Amino acid sequence: MKRGFLLIDRGSREREASEELEIICNAVKAKGDYVFTEYCFLEVEPPYIEDGIAKCLKQDIDHLTIVPYFLYTG
């Protein structure tokens, strides 16, 4: 079974937020059994949730794990 992973963050204008999510997605892909990992944001900056889901639907995956990642107050 080909699995995908989508991480949803609150959203931030800070460049470091995207970099942090990229690192997390790469680690999940390396340690997990995922053929595809992606992140998106609830608000503020793209890619938004709609973009993330659309990108996932274009992948050849059988199962998608969606994880909310809201660690900081907004």
Protein backbone atom coordinates (compact mmCIF):
# COMPACT_ATOMS: atom_id res chain seq x y z
CA MET A 1 0.00 0.00 0.00
CA LYS A 2 1.37 3.42 -0.98
CA ARG A 3 0.89 5.94 1.80
CA GLY A 4 0.98 9.73 1.80
CA PHE A 5 1.34 12.21 4.66
CA LEU A 6 -0.07 15.76 4.88
CA LEU A 7 0.98 18.05 7.74
CA ILE A 8 -1.32 21.03 8.43
CA ASP A 9 0.13 24.03 10.27
CA ARG A 10 -1.65 27.19 11.44
CA GLY A 11 0.37 29.43 9.10
CA SER A 12 3.02 32.09 9.51
CA ARG A 13 4.69 34.79 7.45
CA GLU A 14 8.06 33.76 8.88
CA ARG A 15 10.23 31.84 6.42
CA GLU A 16 11.44 29.59 9.22
CA ALA A 17 7.95 28.09 9.58
CA SER A 18 8.08 26.59 6.09
CA GLU A 19 11.64 25.41 6.62
CA GLU A 20 10.65 23.68 9.88
CA LEU A 21 7.74 21.90 8.21
CA GLU A 22 9.95 20.81 5.32
CA ILE A 23 12.40 19.27 7.80
CA ILE A 24 9.58 17.47 9.61
CA CYS A 25 8.11 16.12 6.37
CA ASN A 26 11.51 14.87 5.21
CA ALA A 27 12.07 13.12 8.55
CA VAL A 28 8.62 11.49 8.42
CA LYS A 29 9.27 10.27 4.88
CA ALA A 30 12.70 8.91 5.80
CA LYS A 31 11.55 7.13 8.97
CA GLY A 32 8.02 6.19 7.98
CA ASP A 33 6.67 4.14 5.15
CA TYR A 34 5.46 7.11 3.10
CA VAL A 35 6.03 7.61 -0.61
CA PHE A 36 4.84 11.21 -0.43
CA THR A 37 4.88 13.92 2.25
CA GLU A 38 3.59 17.47 2.02
CA TYR A 39 2.67 20.37 4.29
CA CYS A 40 0.11 23.16 4.05
CA PHE A 41 -1.27 26.03 6.12
CA LEU A 42 -4.67 26.78 7.64
CA GLU A 43 -4.30 30.52 6.90
CA VAL A 44 -1.89 33.44 6.33
CA GLU A 45 0.35 31.98 3.58
CA PRO A 46 -0.01 29.38 0.83
CA PRO A 47 -0.01 26.51 0.29
CA TYR A 48 -3.43 26.37 1.92
CA ILE A 49 -5.28 23.20 2.95
CA GLU A 50 -7.08 23.07 -0.40
CA ASP A 51 -3.71 23.22 -2.19
CA GLY A 52 -2.23 20.50 -0.01
CA ILE A 53 -5.15 18.14 -0.52
CA ALA A 54 -5.20 18.80 -4.28
CA LYS A 55 -1.49 17.98 -4.48
CA CYS A 56 -2.04 14.77 -2.50
CA LEU A 57 -4.87 13.69 -4.80
CA LYS A 58 -2.51 13.92 -7.78
CA GLN A 59 -0.12 11.41 -6.20
CA ASP A 60 -0.31 7.66 -6.71
CA ILE A 61 -1.20 6.81 -3.10
CA ASP A 62 -3.71 4.42 -1.55
CA HIS A 63 -3.89 6.00 1.91
CA LEU A 64 -3.44 9.56 3.18
CA THR A 65 -2.56 10.44 6.78
CA ILE A 66 -3.49 14.03 7.69
CA VAL A 67 -1.89 15.46 10.83
CA PRO A 68 -2.73 18.86 12.40
CA TYR A 69 0.40 20.57 13.74
CA PHE A 70 -0.79 23.43 15.96
CA LEU A 71 1.95 23.75 18.56
CA TYR A 72 1.98 27.52 19.01
CA THR A 73 -0.75 29.98 19.94
CA GLY A 74 -2.16 31.91 17.02
